Amino acid sequence: MRNFDLLTLILLLPILLVSMMAHEVSHGYVAYRLGDPTAKAHGRLTLNPLKHLDPLGTAMFVITYMLGGFIFGWAKPVPVTSYYFKNQQRGMLLVGLAGPVANFAVAVIVALVLNLLHPAATGGLLDFRGGDTLFRVLFLAFQVNVVLGVFNLVPIPPLDGSRVLGGFLPADAYRRWVELDRYGMIFLLLIFFVFRGPFFSLLSGAYEWIYRLLLPSYF
């Protein structure tokens, strides 16, 4: 997706909305099962992707796709109140892990469909190089969910990976760790404007490894 393509963008936006909805609802549902009613009280345990839409975050998807050749944006975070958890540290680990796991689960399901519909096995039902619309939708869904899963597992506040890492820290270190959330936007800006090269090389490497693992018939 390095070259701007209006059709691809049109296909990409609803896929992004649904993928982010799955991510955020998973956070809220796990928090709810652990005793936190906050997401449900705010109407966020819904499959309506518009309820999870952040206008600026969605605009950033379009802007970065058109100008930067990569995808970056965000949904409206699901509110979580960790004080409801019997073990706040473990609870936040599970809540943080839920979003990326949901995206990887979607990616696995889409990969199964893509492997079943591989041109070599179907006599040309899908044209990998020709840009068949069905293939493009499926492949974009796979790509978006893998990227969302990998990116959010980066252990930097306020990303989900920081919650996962925090679950393994000693109690005193954890309290200091969660205080770094207030600087989360600074960390993200540093990633995208100072350490963009190494970060995207790492992200691309992880994506390619998962791509080869789940879609071996396309190599």
Protein backbone atom coordinates (compact mmCIF):
# COMPACT_ATOMS: atom_id res chain seq x y z
CA MET A 1 0.00 0.00 0.00
CA ARG A 2 2.85 2.37 -0.68
CA ASN A 3 1.20 4.09 -3.63
CA PHE A 4 -1.99 6.05 -3.08
CA ASP A 5 -4.99 4.23 -4.52
CA LEU A 6 -8.48 5.68 -3.99
CA LEU A 7 -10.25 2.31 -4.35
CA THR A 8 -7.92 0.72 -1.80
CA LEU A 9 -8.57 3.61 0.58
CA ILE A 10 -12.34 3.23 0.16
CA LEU A 11 -12.04 -0.48 0.93
CA LEU A 12 -9.63 0.15 3.78
CA LEU A 13 -11.72 2.53 5.88
CA PRO A 14 -14.61 0.17 6.77
CA ILE A 15 -12.11 -2.62 7.40
CA LEU A 16 -10.25 -0.35 9.79
CA LEU A 17 -13.47 0.59 11.59
CA VAL A 18 -14.52 -3.04 12.08
CA SER A 19 -11.00 -4.09 13.11
CA MET A 20 -10.73 -1.30 15.67
CA MET A 21 -14.21 -2.13 16.93
CA ALA A 22 -13.13 -5.73 17.55
CA HIS A 23 -10.03 -4.46 19.33
CA GLU A 24 -11.83 -2.03 21.64
CA VAL A 25 -14.83 -4.26 22.41
CA SER A 26 -12.41 -7.01 23.44
CA HIS A 27 -10.74 -4.66 25.92
CA GLY A 28 -14.12 -3.68 27.36
CA TYR A 29 -15.52 -7.21 27.46
CA VAL A 30 -12.53 -8.63 29.35
CA ALA A 31 -12.65 -5.69 31.78
CA TYR A 32 -16.38 -6.35 32.27
CA ARG A 33 -15.78 -10.05 32.96
CA LEU A 34 -13.17 -9.04 35.53
CA GLY A 35 -15.72 -6.90 37.35
CA ASP A 36 -15.40 -3.48 35.73
CA PRO A 37 -18.77 -2.14 34.46
CA THR A 38 -17.31 1.11 33.06
CA ALA A 39 -17.26 0.16 29.37
CA LYS A 40 -20.79 -1.25 29.53
CA ALA A 41 -22.07 1.84 31.36
CA HIS A 42 -20.62 4.03 28.58
CA GLY A 43 -22.27 1.94 25.85
CA ARG A 44 -18.96 0.64 24.51
CA LEU A 45 -19.73 -3.08 24.57
CA THR A 46 -21.40 -2.72 21.19
CA LEU A 47 -20.58 -4.06 17.74
CA ASN A 48 -21.48 -0.73 16.18
CA PRO A 49 -18.08 0.53 14.91
CA LEU A 50 -19.33 4.14 14.90
CA LYS A 51 -19.49 4.05 18.71
CA HIS A 52 -15.72 3.51 18.74
CA LEU A 53 -14.91 6.11 16.11
CA ASP A 54 -12.46 8.86 16.95
CA PRO A 55 -12.71 11.57 14.26
CA LEU A 56 -9.09 12.70 14.54
CA GLY A 57 -7.77 9.14 14.76
CA THR A 58 -9.73 8.15 11.65
CA ALA A 59 -8.54 11.25 9.79
CA MET A 60 -4.96 10.26 10.64
CA PHE A 61 -5.47 6.91 8.90
CA VAL A 62 -6.40 8.75 5.72
CA ILE A 63 -3.66 11.38 6.01
CA THR A 64 -0.84 8.94 6.74
CA TYR A 65 -2.01 6.58 4.00
CA MET A 66 -2.13 9.36 1.41
CA LEU A 67 1.06 11.16 2.40
CA GLY A 68 3.27 8.71 4.23
CA GLY A 69 2.75 5.32 2.61
CA PHE A 70 1.90 3.76 5.99
CA ILE A 71 -1.16 3.50 8.22
CA PHE A 72 -1.39 5.20 11.59
CA GLY A 73 -4.44 6.22 13.57
CA TRP A 74 -6.54 5.24 16.54
CA ALA A 75 -10.03 4.52 17.81
CA LYS A 76 -11.68 5.99 20.87
CA PRO A 77 -10.17 4.09 23.84
CA VAL A 78 -12.60 2.03 25.88
CA PRO A 79 -12.75 3.38 29.44
CA VAL A 80 -11.40 0.94 32.02
CA THR A 81 -11.40 1.42 35.80
CA SER A 82 -8.79 -0.93 37.22
CA TYR A 83 -9.93 -0.37 40.82
CA TYR A 84 -12.73 -2.90 40.20
CA PHE A 85 -10.19 -5.67 39.60
CA LYS A 86 -9.22 -7.95 42.46
CA ASN A 87 -5.66 -7.76 41.17
CA GLN A 88 -5.20 -4.49 39.26
CA GLN A 89 -1.86 -5.45 37.76
CA ARG A 90 -3.03 -8.83 36.45
CA GLY A 91 -6.36 -7.34 35.37
CA MET A 92 -4.73 -4.66 33.24
CA LEU A 93 -2.43 -7.29 31.70
CA LEU A 94 -5.45 -9.32 30.57
CA VAL A 95 -7.36 -6.26 29.38
CA GLY A 96 -4.33 -4.99 27.46
CA LEU A 97 -3.73 -8.37 25.85
CA ALA A 98 -7.36 -8.77 24.76
CA GLY A 99 -7.25 -6.16 21.98
CA PRO A 100 -4.23 -7.52 20.06
CA VAL A 101 -5.45 -11.10 20.55
CA ALA A 102 -8.78 -10.14 18.95
CA ASN A 103 -6.96 -8.67 15.95
CA PHE A 104 -4.75 -11.75 15.58
CA ALA A 105 -7.83 -13.98 15.80
CA VAL A 106 -9.47 -12.04 12.95
CA ALA A 107 -6.23 -12.27 10.94
CA VAL A 108 -6.11 -16.06 11.40
CA ILE A 109 -9.74 -16.46 10.25
CA VAL A 110 -9.13 -14.28 7.18
CA ALA A 111 -5.90 -16.17 6.43
CA LEU A 112 -7.81 -19.47 6.43
CA VAL A 113 -10.23 -18.04 3.87
CA LEU A 114 -7.41 -16.63 1.74
CA ASN A 115 -5.62 -19.98 1.71
CA LEU A 116 -8.83 -21.74 0.66
CA LEU A 117 -9.34 -19.22 -2.14
CA HIS A 118 -5.78 -19.32 -3.42
CA PRO A 119 -5.73 -19.10 -7.24
CA ALA A 120 -3.58 -22.19 -7.63
CA ALA A 121 -6.15 -24.25 -5.75
CA THR A 122 -9.27 -22.78 -7.33
CA GLY A 123 -8.40 -22.43 -10.98
CA GLY A 124 -8.09 -18.67 -10.86
CA LEU A 125 -11.00 -17.62 -8.65
CA LEU A 126 -8.81 -14.86 -7.27
CA ASP A 127 -6.14 -13.00 -9.20
CA PHE A 128 -3.34 -12.10 -6.77
CA ARG A 129 -1.57 -9.80 -9.21
CA GLY A 130 -4.61 -8.45 -11.00
CA GLY A 131 -6.15 -6.86 -7.94
CA ASP A 132 -9.35 -8.89 -7.65
CA THR A 133 -11.67 -6.86 -5.39
CA LEU A 134 -12.58 -9.79 -3.14
CA PHE A 135 -8.94 -10.65 -2.68
CA ARG A 136 -8.05 -7.04 -1.93
CA VAL A 137 -10.74 -6.77 0.75
CA LEU A 138 -9.64 -10.01 2.39
CA PHE A 139 -5.96 -9.22 2.17
CA LEU A 140 -6.47 -5.71 3.55
CA ALA A 141 -8.44 -7.18 6.45
CA PHE A 142 -5.58 -9.59 7.11
CA GLN A 143 -2.93 -6.88 6.86
CA VAL A 144 -4.77 -4.32 9.00
CA ASN A 145 -5.42 -6.79 11.82
CA VAL A 146 -1.86 -8.07 11.88
CA VAL A 147 -0.48 -4.53 11.93
CA LEU A 148 -2.91 -3.46 14.69
CA GLY A 149 -2.01 -6.52 16.75
CA VAL A 150 1.75 -6.15 16.36
CA PHE A 151 1.78 -2.37 16.81
CA ASN A 152 -0.32 -2.43 19.96
CA LEU A 153 1.92 -5.05 21.56
CA VAL A 154 4.88 -2.68 21.51
CA PRO A 155 5.70 -2.26 25.26
CA ILE A 156 5.59 1.53 25.27
CA PRO A 157 2.93 3.57 27.14
CA PRO A 158 0.10 4.00 26.32
CA LEU A 159 0.06 1.00 23.96
CA ASP A 160 -1.37 -2.34 25.07
CA GLY A 161 2.07 -3.86 25.24
CA SER A 162 2.86 -1.59 28.16
CA ARG A 163 -0.04 -3.18 30.09
CA VAL A 164 1.26 -6.64 29.26
CA LEU A 165 4.80 -5.76 30.33
CA GLY A 166 3.46 -4.06 33.47
CA GLY A 167 1.83 -7.31 34.52
CA PHE A 168 5.25 -8.87 35.01
CA LEU A 169 6.87 -6.01 36.94
CA PRO A 170 7.32 -5.88 40.72
CA ALA A 171 4.58 -3.88 42.45
CA ASP A 172 6.75 -0.82 43.13
CA ALA A 173 8.08 -0.75 39.57
CA TYR A 174 4.54 -1.18 38.24
CA ARG A 175 3.28 1.90 40.07
CA ARG A 176 6.07 3.97 38.53
CA TRP A 177 5.48 2.37 35.13
CA VAL A 178 1.79 3.31 34.91
CA GLU A 179 2.67 6.92 35.71
CA LEU A 180 4.42 7.08 32.33
CA ASP A 181 1.03 6.94 30.58
CA ARG A 182 0.76 10.71 30.93
CA TYR A 183 3.71 10.99 28.53
CA GLY A 184 2.24 8.52 26.04
CA MET A 185 1.76 11.03 23.22
CA ILE A 186 5.38 12.13 23.56
CA PHE A 187 6.54 8.52 23.22
CA LEU A 188 4.40 8.04 20.10
CA LEU A 189 5.72 11.23 18.52
CA LEU A 190 9.28 10.10 19.21
CA ILE A 191 8.55 6.78 17.51
CA PHE A 192 7.10 8.35 14.38
CA PHE A 193 9.42 11.31 13.98
CA VAL A 194 12.73 10.29 15.60
CA PHE A 195 12.89 6.48 15.59
CA ARG A 196 10.60 5.87 12.63
CA GLY A 197 13.16 3.92 10.56
CA PRO A 198 14.16 1.30 13.16
CA PHE A 199 10.61 1.04 14.49
CA PHE A 200 9.03 0.36 11.10
CA SER A 201 11.81 -2.08 10.22
CA LEU A 202 10.93 -4.03 13.36
CA LEU A 203 7.21 -3.79 12.61
CA SER A 204 7.72 -4.90 9.01
CA GLY A 205 9.85 -7.85 10.12
CA ALA A 206 7.17 -9.03 12.54
CA TYR A 207 4.46 -8.59 9.91
CA GLU A 208 6.41 -10.54 7.28
CA TRP A 209 7.04 -13.40 9.73
CA ILE A 210 3.31 -13.67 10.51
CA TYR A 211 2.47 -13.30 6.81
CA ARG A 212 4.72 -16.24 5.91
CA LEU A 213 3.38 -18.28 8.82
CA LEU A 214 -0.32 -17.78 8.04
CA LEU A 215 -0.24 -17.40 4.25
CA PRO A 216 2.43 -19.90 3.12
CA SER A 217 0.58 -20.71 -0.10
CA TYR A 218 1.20 -17.16 -1.36
CA PHE A 219 4.96 -17.65 -1.50
